[in-house]
Amino acid sequence: LTHTSADWDMFKSEEKMNSEGVKQLKFGTQKEEYDEGSGYKYLIYKPDENKTENGNNKYPLLVFLHGAGESGSGPAMEIITEGASGCPPVELHYDRAVDILARSFVVVSPRTNHGWSDDLVG
């Protein structure tokens, strides 16, 4: 997928976050969380139970590790960038993800400012 700057500005202006930082999407919800044990901020996407394809409320987990362009110590929501178009958290955020991903996976997208070394993710 490719988008112009005007497209990106339109996407950013269509945020649907509620007061708790939860974004309701077509097939689920996306929100930012913080894990005190690891110190990671992350986005988590969960499908709505009544809109799933598997019907059993058990979901595979997809962990998306961002690239260098999304590195930083700010909010995890900052990984939703123009350069990351096509990545699971971005496509879910804008309700453009393929149905099988949106209906059947929990997607966790942590953020770091120091890369993903083997000892951190291994």
Foldseek 3Di string as FASTA:
>chain_A
DADDPVVVVVLVVPFQADPVQWGDEPFWIKGWDADPVLRWIKIKTDGDQVQADVNPRDAAEAEDEDDQVQADDDHNVSSLDNVCPPDVVVCRRSVNDPPCPRRGYIYMYIHHNPDDDPVNPD
